[in-house]
C-alpha atoms as a PDB file:
ATOM      1  CA  MET A   1       0.185  -0.145  -0.014  1.00  0.00           C
ATOM      2  CA  ASP A   2       1.174   3.603  -0.868  1.00  0.00           C
ATOM      3  CA  LEU A   3       1.634   5.360   2.369  1.00  0.00           C
ATOM      4  CA  GLY A   4       0.484   8.509   0.498  1.00  0.00           C
ATOM      5  CA  VAL A   5      -2.438   7.109  -0.558  1.00  0.00           C
ATOM      6  CA  ILE A   6      -3.053   6.129   3.159  1.00  0.00           C
ATOM      7  CA  GLY A   7      -2.492   9.737   4.521  1.00  0.00           C
ATOM      8  CA  GLN A   8      -4.920  10.744   2.002  1.00  0.00           C
ATOM      9  CA  ALA A   9      -7.467   8.220   3.073  1.00  0.00           C
ATOM     10  CA  ALA A  10      -7.082   9.020   6.718  1.00  0.00           C
ATOM     11  CA  GLY A  11      -7.124  12.679   6.235  1.00  0.00           C
ATOM     12  CA  LEU A  12     -10.374  12.410   4.053  1.00  0.00           C
ATOM     13  CA  PHE A  13     -11.879  10.168   6.844  1.00  0.00           C
ATOM     14  CA  ALA A  14     -10.952  12.681   9.474  1.00  0.00           C
ATOM     15  CA  VAL A  15     -12.452  15.772   7.841  1.00  0.00           C
ATOM     16  CA  THR A  16     -15.647  13.996   6.560  1.00  0.00           C
ATOM     17  CA  ASN A  17     -16.563  11.953   9.919  1.00  0.00           C
ATOM     18  CA  VAL A  18     -15.471  14.483  12.747  1.00  0.00           C
ATOM     19  CA  ASP A  19     -18.969  15.142  13.750  1.00  0.00           C
ATOM     20  CA  ASP A  20     -19.646  11.311  14.286  1.00  0.00           C
ATOM     21  CA  ILE A  21     -17.567  11.413  17.355  1.00  0.00           C
ATOM     22  CA  VAL A  22     -20.297  13.507  19.292  1.00  0.00           C
ATOM     23  CA  ILE A  23     -23.165  11.372  17.940  1.00  0.00           C
ATOM     24  CA  LEU A  24     -21.205   8.205  18.857  1.00  0.00           C
ATOM     25  CA  ALA A  25     -20.745   9.796  22.315  1.00  0.00           C
ATOM     26  CA  LEU A  26     -23.822  10.463  22.859  1.00  0.00           C
ATOM     27  CA  PHE A  27     -24.933   6.600  21.942  1.00  0.00           C
ATOM     28  CA  PHE A  28     -22.229   5.465  24.079  1.00  0.00           C
ATOM     29  CA  ALA A  29     -23.447   6.946  27.138  1.00  0.00           C
ATOM     30  CA  GLN A  30     -27.143   5.794  26.368  1.00  0.00           C
ATOM     31  CA  ALA A  31     -25.747   2.301  26.069  1.00  0.00           C
ATOM     32  CA  ALA A  32     -23.370   2.658  29.019  1.00  0.00           C
ATOM     33  CA  GLY A  33     -23.913   0.050  32.018  1.00  0.00           C
ATOM     34  CA  HIS A  34     -26.221  -1.836  29.275  1.00  0.00           C
ATOM     35  CA  HIS A  35     -24.813  -5.367  28.546  1.00  0.00           C
ATOM     36  CA  GLY A  36     -23.885  -5.630  24.606  1.00  0.00           C
ATOM     37  CA  GLY A  37     -24.806  -1.841  24.162  1.00  0.00           C
ATOM     38  CA  THR A  38     -21.289  -1.347  22.686  1.00  0.00           C
ATOM     39  CA  VAL A  39     -21.339  -3.902  20.309  1.00  0.00           C
ATOM     40  CA  ARG A  40     -24.441  -2.940  19.024  1.00  0.00           C
ATOM     41  CA  ILE A  41     -23.214   0.847  18.222  1.00  0.00           C
ATOM     42  CA  VAL A  42     -20.049  -0.722  17.035  1.00  0.00           C
ATOM     43  CA  ALA A  43     -21.813  -2.845  14.493  1.00  0.00           C
ATOM     44  CA  GLY A  44     -24.653  -0.674  13.602  1.00  0.00           C
ATOM     45  CA  GLN A  45     -21.839   2.287  12.874  1.00  0.00           C
ATOM     46  CA  TYR A  46     -20.002  -0.017  10.737  1.00  0.00           C
ATOM     47  CA  LEU A  47     -23.218  -1.341   9.109  1.00  0.00           C
ATOM     48  CA  GLY A  48     -24.040   2.434   7.942  1.00  0.00           C
ATOM     49  CA  PHE A  49     -20.327   3.389   7.354  1.00  0.00           C
ATOM     50  CA  VAL A  50     -20.309   0.098   4.677  1.00  0.00           C
ATOM     51  CA  GLY A  51     -23.591   1.121   3.201  1.00  0.00           C
ATOM     52  CA  ILE A  52     -21.976   4.640   2.718  1.00  0.00           C
ATOM     53  CA  LEU A  53     -18.773   3.057   0.920  1.00  0.00           C
ATOM     54  CA  ALA A  54     -20.646   0.362  -1.180  1.00  0.00           C
ATOM     55  CA  VAL A  55     -23.059   3.489  -2.811  1.00  0.00           C
ATOM     56  CA  ALA A  56     -19.877   5.443  -2.993  1.00  0.00           C
ATOM     57  CA  VAL A  57     -17.807   3.031  -4.701  1.00  0.00           C
ATOM     58  CA  ALA A  58     -20.757   1.875  -7.057  1.00  0.00           C
ATOM     59  CA  ALA A  59     -20.975   5.088  -8.505  1.00  0.00           C
ATOM     60  CA  ALA A  60     -17.546   5.662  -8.783  1.00  0.00           C
ATOM     61  CA  PHE A  61     -17.865   2.936 -11.266  1.00  0.00           C
ATOM     62  CA  GLY A  62     -20.886   4.572 -12.962  1.00  0.00           C
ATOM     63  CA  ALA A  63     -23.126   2.857 -11.250  1.00  0.00           C
ATOM     64  CA  THR A  64     -26.257   4.810  -9.339  1.00  0.00           C
ATOM     65  CA  LEU A  65     -27.551   2.897  -6.522  1.00  0.00           C
ATOM     66  CA  LEU A  66     -29.114   6.072  -4.762  1.00  0.00           C
ATOM     67  CA  PRO A  67     -30.386   8.745  -7.313  1.00  0.00           C
ATOM     68  CA  PRO A  68     -28.927  12.081  -6.385  1.00  0.00           C
ATOM     69  CA  ALA A  69     -32.565  13.615  -5.843  1.00  0.00           C
ATOM     70  CA  ALA A  70     -32.917  11.016  -2.986  1.00  0.00           C
ATOM     71  CA  VAL A  71     -29.890  11.691  -1.128  1.00  0.00           C
ATOM     72  CA  PRO A  72     -31.486  14.791   0.912  1.00  0.00           C
ATOM     73  CA  TYR A  73     -34.385  12.824   2.135  1.00  0.00           C
ATOM     74  CA  LEU A  74     -32.002  10.636   4.217  1.00  0.00           C
ATOM     75  CA  GLY A  75     -32.111  13.234   6.924  1.00  0.00           C
ATOM     76  CA  LEU A  76     -36.136  11.875   7.811  1.00  0.00           C
ATOM     77  CA  LEU A  77     -34.493   8.881   9.481  1.00  0.00           C
ATOM     78  CA  PRO A  78     -32.678  10.857  11.939  1.00  0.00           C
ATOM     79  CA  LEU A  79     -35.382  13.640  12.402  1.00  0.00           C
ATOM     80  CA  THR A  80     -37.480  10.800  12.903  1.00  0.00           C
ATOM     81  CA  LEU A  81     -35.662   8.911  15.301  1.00  0.00           C
ATOM     82  CA  GLY A  82     -34.734  12.433  17.006  1.00  0.00           C
ATOM     83  CA  ILE A  83     -38.633  13.230  17.746  1.00  0.00           C
ATOM     84  CA  ARG A  84     -39.237   9.685  18.754  1.00  0.00           C
ATOM     85  CA  ALA A  85     -36.181   9.819  21.392  1.00  0.00           C
ATOM     86  CA  GLY A  86     -37.686  13.392  22.348  1.00  0.00           C
ATOM     87  CA  TRP A  87     -41.072  11.951  22.770  1.00  0.00           C
ATOM     88  CA  GLN A  88     -39.479   9.375  24.911  1.00  0.00           C
ATOM     89  CA  ALA A  89     -37.345  11.205  26.859  1.00  0.00           C
ATOM     90  CA  TRP A  90     -40.369  13.657  27.722  1.00  0.00           C
ATOM     91  CA  ARG A  91     -42.574  10.694  28.453  1.00  0.00           C
ATOM     92  CA  GLN A  92     -40.591   9.615  31.037  1.00  0.00           C
ATOM     93  CA  ARG A  93     -40.085  12.973  32.481  1.00  0.00           C
ATOM     94  CA  ASP A  94     -43.760  12.757  33.355  1.00  0.00           C
ATOM     95  CA  GLY A  95     -43.594   8.935  34.109  1.00  0.00           C
ATOM     96  CA  GLU A  96     -46.090   8.284  32.161  1.00  0.00           C
ATOM     97  CA  GLY A  97     -43.772   5.555  29.648  1.00  0.00           C
ATOM     98  CA  GLY A  98     -43.260   2.765  32.057  1.00  0.00           C
ATOM     99  CA  ASP A  99     -41.159  -0.035  30.602  1.00  0.00           C
ATOM    100  CA  GLU A 100     -42.221   1.410  27.023  1.00  0.00           C
ATOM    101  CA  VAL A 101     -40.218   4.223  27.509  1.00  0.00           C
ATOM    102  CA  ASP A 102     -36.646   3.204  26.503  1.00  0.00           C
ATOM    103  CA  VAL A 103     -37.762   0.906  23.166  1.00  0.00           C
ATOM    104  CA  ARG A 104     -34.073  -0.783  23.809  1.00  0.00           C
ATOM    105  CA  PRO A 105     -33.388  -0.853  27.525  1.00  0.00           C
ATOM    106  CA  GLY A 106     -29.129  -1.315  26.388  1.00  0.00           C
ATOM    107  CA  GLY A 107     -29.035   1.763  24.368  1.00  0.00           C
ATOM    108  CA  PRO A 108     -29.568   2.089  20.463  1.00  0.00           C
ATOM    109  CA  GLY A 109     -30.340  -0.643  18.000  1.00  0.00           C
ATOM    110  CA  VAL A 110     -27.998  -1.698  15.551  1.00  0.00           C
ATOM    111  CA  LEU A 111     -30.039  -0.696  12.692  1.00  0.00           C
ATOM    112  CA  ALA A 112     -31.008   2.826  14.380  1.00  0.00           C
ATOM    113  CA  VAL A 113     -27.320   3.442  14.701  1.00  0.00           C
ATOM    114  CA  ALA A 114     -26.444   2.074  11.145  1.00  0.00           C
ATOM    115  CA  GLY A 115     -29.255   4.738   9.926  1.00  0.00           C
ATOM    116  CA  VAL A 116     -28.439   7.475  11.610  1.00  0.00           C
ATOM    117  CA  THR A 117     -24.659   6.873  10.103  1.00  0.00           C
ATOM    118  CA  PHE A 118     -25.807   6.253   6.761  1.00  0.00           C
ATOM    119  CA  ALA A 119     -28.031   9.444   6.794  1.00  0.00           C
ATOM    120  CA  ASN A 120     -25.359  11.773   8.435  1.00  0.00           C
ATOM    121  CA  GLY A 121     -22.784  10.081   5.877  1.00  0.00           C
ATOM    122  CA  GLY A 122     -24.864  10.782   2.864  1.00  0.00           C
ATOM    123  CA  ASP A 123     -23.161  13.869   2.225  1.00  0.00           C
ATOM    124  CA  ASN A 124     -19.823  12.030   2.290  1.00  0.00           C
ATOM    125  CA  ILE A 125     -21.128   9.962  -0.445  1.00  0.00           C
ATOM    126  CA  GLY A 126     -20.392  13.030  -2.770  1.00  0.00           C
ATOM    127  CA  VAL A 127     -17.004  13.683  -1.687  1.00  0.00           C
ATOM    128  CA  TYR A 128     -15.922  10.068  -1.591  1.00  0.00           C
ATOM    129  CA  VAL A 129     -16.941   9.134  -5.612  1.00  0.00           C
ATOM    130  CA  PRO A 130     -14.965  11.685  -7.362  1.00  0.00           C
ATOM    131  CA  VAL A 131     -11.851  10.646  -5.149  1.00  0.00           C
ATOM    132  CA  PHE A 132     -12.928   7.111  -5.547  1.00  0.00           C
ATOM    133  CA  ALA A 133     -12.946   7.872  -9.352  1.00  0.00           C
ATOM    134  CA  THR A 134     -10.047   9.395 -10.337  1.00  0.00           C
ATOM    135  CA  ALA A 135      -8.080   7.385  -7.637  1.00  0.00           C
ATOM    136  CA  GLY A 136      -8.013   3.625  -9.734  1.00  0.00           C
ATOM    137  CA  ALA A 137      -8.595   0.384  -8.282  1.00  0.00           C
ATOM    138  CA  GLU A 138      -6.047  -0.449  -6.140  1.00  0.00           C
ATOM    139  CA  ALA A 139      -5.996   3.115  -4.438  1.00  0.00           C
ATOM    140  CA  MET A 140      -9.723   2.870  -3.967  1.00  0.00           C
ATOM    141  CA  SER A 141      -9.326  -0.728  -2.040  1.00  0.00           C
ATOM    142  CA  THR A 142      -6.541   1.196   0.052  1.00  0.00           C
ATOM    143  CA  TYR A 143      -9.192   4.172   0.948  1.00  0.00           C
ATOM    144  CA  VAL A 144     -11.375   1.461   1.758  1.00  0.00           C
ATOM    145  CA  ILE A 145      -9.515  -0.529   3.915  1.00  0.00           C
ATOM    146  CA  VAL A 146      -8.360   2.353   5.747  1.00  0.00           C
ATOM    147  CA  PHE A 147     -11.905   3.566   6.279  1.00  0.00           C
ATOM    148  CA  LEU A 148     -12.762   0.678   7.620  1.00  0.00           C
ATOM    149  CA  VAL A 149      -9.967   0.429  10.334  1.00  0.00           C
ATOM    150  CA  LEU A 150     -10.719   4.055  11.050  1.00  0.00           C
ATOM    151  CA  VAL A 151     -14.167   3.420  11.927  1.00  0.00           C
ATOM    152  CA  VAL A 152     -12.625   1.365  15.108  1.00  0.00           C
ATOM    153  CA  VAL A 153     -10.666   4.395  15.915  1.00  0.00           C
ATOM    154  CA  TRP A 154     -13.796   6.327  15.939  1.00  0.00           C
ATOM    155  CA  CYS A 155     -15.766   4.185  17.690  1.00  0.00           C
ATOM    156  CA  LEU A 156     -13.069   4.070  20.206  1.00  0.00           C
ATOM    157  CA  ALA A 157     -12.887   8.234  20.703  1.00  0.00           C
ATOM    158  CA  GLY A 158     -16.456   8.600  20.968  1.00  0.00           C
ATOM    159  CA  ARG A 159     -16.386   5.881  23.827  1.00  0.00           C
ATOM    160  CA  LEU A 160     -13.367   7.204  25.020  1.00  0.00           C
ATOM    161  CA  VAL A 161     -15.507  10.925  25.134  1.00  0.00           C
ATOM    162  CA  ALA A 162     -18.382   9.587  26.640  1.00  0.00           C
ATOM    163  CA  GLY A 163     -15.991   8.073  29.213  1.00  0.00           C
ATOM    164  CA  HIS A 164     -14.730  11.334  30.487  1.00  0.00           C
ATOM    165  CA  ARG A 165     -15.831  12.026  34.139  1.00  0.00           C
ATOM    166  CA  LEU A 166     -17.307  15.527  33.461  1.00  0.00           C
ATOM    167  CA  VAL A 167     -18.850  14.394  29.561  1.00  0.00           C
ATOM    168  CA  ALA A 168     -19.909  11.354  31.385  1.00  0.00           C
ATOM    169  CA  ALA A 169     -21.921  13.329  34.036  1.00  0.00           C
ATOM    170  CA  THR A 170     -22.850  15.716  31.503  1.00  0.00           C
ATOM    171  CA  LEU A 171     -24.183  13.101  29.193  1.00  0.00           C
ATOM    172  CA  SER A 172     -26.011  11.464  31.791  1.00  0.00           C
ATOM    173  CA  ARG A 173     -27.586  14.272  33.189  1.00  0.00           C
ATOM    174  CA  TRP A 174     -28.674  15.939  29.448  1.00  0.00           C
ATOM    175  CA  GLY A 175     -27.997  13.267  26.976  1.00  0.00           C
ATOM    176  CA  HIS A 176     -31.392  12.073  26.793  1.00  0.00           C
ATOM    177  CA  ILE A 177     -32.592  16.053  25.826  1.00  0.00           C
ATOM    178  CA  VAL A 178     -28.952  16.419  23.729  1.00  0.00           C
ATOM    179  CA  LEU A 179     -29.463  13.271  21.509  1.00  0.00           C
ATOM    180  CA  PRO A 180     -33.061  13.803  19.854  1.00  0.00           C
ATOM    181  CA  VAL A 181     -31.821  17.389  19.585  1.00  0.00           C
ATOM    182  CA  VAL A 182     -28.580  16.186  17.759  1.00  0.00           C
ATOM    183  CA  LEU A 183     -30.794  14.156  15.957  1.00  0.00           C
ATOM    184  CA  VAL A 184     -33.077  16.618  14.776  1.00  0.00           C
ATOM    185  CA  ALA A 185     -30.678  18.950  13.842  1.00  0.00           C
ATOM    186  CA  ILE A 186     -28.980  16.589  11.716  1.00  0.00           C
ATOM    187  CA  GLY A 187     -32.100  15.999   9.999  1.00  0.00           C
ATOM    188  CA  VAL A 188     -33.238  19.394   9.227  1.00  0.00           C
ATOM    189  CA  VAL A 189     -29.568  19.941   8.026  1.00  0.00           C
ATOM    190  CA  ILE A 190     -29.929  17.029   5.561  1.00  0.00           C
ATOM    191  CA  LEU A 191     -32.999  18.000   4.121  1.00  0.00           C
ATOM    192  CA  VAL A 192     -32.456  21.792   3.760  1.00  0.00           C
ATOM    193  CA  GLU A 193     -28.882  21.454   2.313  1.00  0.00           C
ATOM    194  CA  GLY A 194     -30.155  19.346   0.061  1.00  0.00           C
ATOM    195  CA  GLY A 195     -33.582  20.965  -0.938  1.00  0.00           C
ATOM    196  CA  ALA A 196     -35.488  18.383   0.131  1.00  0.00           C
ATOM    197  CA  PHE A 197     -39.439  19.213  -0.329  1.00  0.00           C
ATOM    198  CA  GLY A 198     -38.633  22.529  -2.239  1.00  0.00           C
ATOM    199  CA  LEU A 199     -36.555  23.770   1.114  1.00  0.00           C
END
């Protein structure tokens, strides 16, 4: 593998995924103390990111798996998840929800994390496609391998951020409010920036 390409791939991944650390920290805080929560978050992050890479690689070879006009509507997924999480937090505050408040007592499920990862990375596809298309097959495989390795690093960073004493205390107290707000904000930004619904 070419060290220059590895460096470029690492830089591209970091620049396009810096916001994921915050989301991962929120997910890890939500799953803290629950058996299997970390595994579900990491699996979901991988599943979502593999989806992003599959679309980007296919598009680089000329196949359009996801029409460009559909990308902005990916914002509906984090928006819906955020509204649902907000509703659950509100019900829990009033003590109405009982056991129904938290659909996944161990934190977010694999598909929820994957969906947020894929939706949040929809704009990354637009960056990756021209890079992959001009890089050639060998360099593109290097990019993919480096990206997949860095997903683990990102998950570790998110967990470290969530585990920091001050951050953990803050997320423990406010995470149930911050997570819905962040998810709704991500959804709205994706919808607005993409011009979904004529916005």
